[in-house]
Protein backbone atom coordinates (compact mmCIF):
# COMPACT_ATOMS: atom_id res chain seq x y z
CA MET A 1 28.12 -4.28 11.41
CA GLU A 2 26.55 -4.94 8.02
CA ARG A 3 24.80 -2.07 6.30
CA VAL A 4 21.10 -2.57 5.50
CA SER A 5 20.26 -2.80 1.78
CA LYS A 6 18.41 0.09 0.09
CA PRO A 7 15.23 -1.97 -0.50
CA ASP A 8 15.17 -3.07 3.16
CA TYR A 9 15.90 0.50 4.29
CA TYR A 10 12.92 1.87 2.38
CA LEU A 11 10.68 -1.08 3.32
CA ASP A 12 11.55 -0.48 6.99
CA ILE A 13 10.44 3.14 6.57
CA ALA A 14 7.21 1.97 4.87
CA GLU A 15 6.61 -0.38 7.80
CA THR A 16 6.99 2.53 10.22
CA VAL A 17 4.59 4.62 8.12
CA ALA A 18 2.09 1.71 8.34
CA LYS A 19 2.00 2.12 12.11
CA ARG A 20 0.05 5.38 11.55
CA ALA A 21 -2.77 3.47 9.77
CA THR A 22 -6.23 3.70 11.29
CA CYS A 23 -7.67 0.45 9.92
CA LEU A 24 -8.71 -2.29 12.34
CA ARG A 25 -7.96 -5.06 9.81
CA ARG A 26 -4.68 -4.17 8.13
CA LYS A 27 -2.01 -1.52 8.45
CA TYR A 28 -0.24 -0.58 5.22
CA GLY A 29 2.46 1.97 4.58
CA ALA A 30 3.73 3.20 1.23
CA ILE A 31 6.60 5.44 0.30
CA ILE A 32 7.51 6.80 -3.11
CA VAL A 33 11.24 7.17 -3.81
CA LYS A 34 12.87 8.88 -6.77
CA ASN A 35 16.60 9.45 -7.24
CA ASP A 36 17.21 8.04 -3.76
CA ALA A 37 14.96 10.63 -2.09
CA ILE A 38 11.59 10.05 -0.45
CA VAL A 39 8.98 11.97 -2.43
CA ALA A 40 5.84 11.03 -0.47
CA THR A 41 4.45 8.68 2.14
CA GLY A 42 0.97 7.31 2.75
CA TYR A 43 -0.86 4.93 5.03
CA ASN A 44 -4.37 3.53 4.94
CA GLY A 45 -6.87 5.63 6.80
CA ALA A 46 -10.00 7.74 6.60
CA PRO A 47 -9.90 11.01 4.62
CA ARG A 48 -8.67 14.02 6.58
CA GLY A 49 -11.26 15.29 9.03
CA ARG A 50 -13.44 12.16 8.88
CA LYS A 51 -13.74 9.70 11.72
CA ASN A 52 -11.62 6.59 11.32
CA CYS A 53 -12.23 3.00 12.36
CA THR A 54 -9.79 3.04 15.27
CA GLY A 55 -11.58 6.11 16.64
CA LEU A 56 -15.03 4.63 16.05
CA GLY A 57 -14.03 1.23 17.42
CA PHE A 58 -15.51 -0.79 14.57
CA CYS A 59 -14.99 -1.71 10.93
CA THR A 60 -18.08 -1.85 8.72
CA ARG A 61 -16.58 -4.46 6.40
CA GLU A 62 -15.51 -6.60 9.37
CA SER A 63 -18.93 -6.38 11.05
CA MET A 64 -20.57 -7.44 7.76
CA GLN A 65 -17.99 -10.25 7.35
CA ILE A 66 -16.97 -9.00 3.92
CA PRO A 67 -14.03 -10.99 2.54
CA ARG A 68 -10.72 -9.43 1.57
CA GLY A 69 -10.78 -7.77 -1.84
CA GLU A 70 -14.53 -7.12 -1.92
CA ARG A 71 -16.86 -4.14 -1.37
CA TYR A 72 -14.20 -1.48 -0.86
CA GLU A 73 -16.88 1.18 -1.25
CA LEU A 74 -17.98 0.33 2.31
CA CYS A 75 -14.50 1.00 3.71
CA ARG A 76 -13.88 4.37 5.38
CA ALA A 77 -10.20 4.37 4.38
CA LEU A 78 -8.08 5.26 1.41
CA HIS A 79 -5.33 2.78 0.69
CA ALA A 80 -1.71 3.62 1.49
CA GLU A 81 -0.79 3.67 -2.20
CA ALA A 82 -3.52 6.22 -2.96
CA ASN A 83 -2.56 8.46 -0.05
CA ALA A 84 1.10 8.45 -1.15
CA ILE A 85 0.17 9.19 -4.77
CA ILE A 86 -2.07 12.15 -3.93
CA SER A 87 0.76 13.64 -1.84
CA ALA A 88 3.18 13.84 -4.79
CA SER A 89 3.24 15.54 -8.17
CA ARG A 90 3.24 13.45 -11.33
CA GLU A 91 6.67 14.83 -12.22
CA GLU A 92 8.04 13.49 -8.93
CA MET A 93 6.52 10.05 -9.57
CA ILE A 94 7.59 9.44 -13.19
CA GLY A 95 10.20 6.68 -13.03
CA ALA A 96 9.94 6.40 -9.23
CA THR A 97 9.72 3.31 -7.04
CA MET A 98 6.99 2.66 -4.49
CA TYR A 99 7.84 0.58 -1.42
CA LEU A 100 4.89 -1.09 0.31
CA SER A 101 4.69 -2.89 3.63
CA GLY A 102 1.58 -4.24 5.30
CA MET A 103 0.73 -6.02 8.49
CA ASN A 104 -2.25 -7.59 10.16
CA ALA A 105 -3.64 -4.95 12.53
CA VAL A 106 -4.42 -7.51 15.23
CA THR A 107 -1.34 -9.76 15.19
CA GLY A 108 1.22 -7.29 13.80
CA GLU A 109 2.47 -10.00 11.44
CA ILE A 110 3.55 -9.01 7.92
CA GLU A 111 0.82 -9.76 5.38
CA PRO A 112 1.68 -13.04 3.64
CA SER A 113 0.31 -12.14 0.20
CA MET A 114 1.30 -8.56 -0.48
CA ASP A 115 -0.20 -7.01 -3.58
CA SER A 116 -2.02 -3.83 -4.51
CA CYS A 117 -5.74 -3.93 -5.25
CA MET A 118 -6.93 -3.29 -8.80
CA MET A 119 -7.87 0.35 -8.06
CA CYS A 120 -4.44 1.07 -6.58
CA LYS A 121 -2.74 -0.66 -9.50
CA ARG A 122 -4.64 1.66 -11.86
CA MET A 123 -3.54 4.71 -9.88
CA ILE A 124 0.06 3.48 -9.79
CA ILE A 125 0.00 2.91 -13.56
CA ASN A 126 -1.31 6.43 -14.20
CA SER A 127 1.05 8.03 -11.70
CA GLY A 128 4.14 7.14 -13.72
CA ILE A 129 5.68 4.99 -10.98
CA ASP A 130 7.98 2.43 -12.58
CA THR A 131 8.41 -0.25 -9.90
CA VAL A 132 6.67 -1.44 -6.73
CA VAL A 133 8.59 -3.32 -4.04
CA PHE A 134 6.52 -5.41 -1.63
CA ARG A 135 7.74 -6.57 1.78
CA LEU A 136 7.28 -10.33 2.20
CA ALA A 137 6.42 -12.22 5.39
CA ASP A 138 9.76 -14.08 5.31
CA GLY A 139 11.65 -10.77 5.55
CA GLY A 140 12.46 -10.62 1.85
CA TYR A 141 10.79 -8.59 -0.84
CA ARG A 142 9.18 -8.93 -4.25
CA VAL A 143 9.68 -6.45 -7.09
CA ALA A 144 6.85 -5.76 -9.53
CA ARG A 145 7.36 -3.86 -12.76
CA VAL A 146 4.38 -1.58 -13.33
CA GLU A 147 4.70 -2.14 -17.09
CA ASP A 148 3.75 -5.78 -16.43
CA TRP A 149 0.48 -4.57 -14.87
CA VAL A 150 -0.27 -2.75 -18.11
CA THR A 151 0.39 -5.75 -20.35
CA VAL A 152 -1.25 -8.30 -17.99
CA ASP A 153 -4.61 -6.68 -17.26
CA ASP A 154 -5.84 -8.53 -14.13
CA SER A 155 -9.09 -6.54 -14.23
CA LEU A 156 -10.07 -8.83 -17.11
CA SER A 157 -9.17 -12.05 -15.29
CA GLY A 158 -11.07 -11.57 -12.01
CA LYS A 159 -7.82 -11.75 -10.00
CA PHE A 160 -8.07 -9.49 -6.97
CA GLY A 161 -5.40 -8.26 -4.58
CA TYR A 162 -4.98 -6.57 -1.16
């Protein structure tokens, strides 16, 4: 029996974390790993104590037909990346790797174009995380160096993610 690779191991855990998400559109899971130890996990969902979309049975952005990447202020949820970041100390995140997996909440299929939104990229940059590994729909993964997000400022280009 072949042993699973470390990236796939951590991406599998992120995918399991995503199953806790309370979004009706997408389920994302993030884990932060440093020195081969999981520092924090996060999934997309409403802030603690607030009602979430699965509990309410509707999504405001969906009912208003708001396209992906727009009007996040209307969303009840925090993104998985943000929830993982707020669960860890900066010291734990400096030089760490974040693993991110996301799936369509209706079909369960892995999201074909995995990326973090601009707000999450800003938080990841400030957190000290060094690398983000995204699960791909074909079963592989893509590695992003956070330093590249600093030098290529997509907030100036109009390129949106998530």
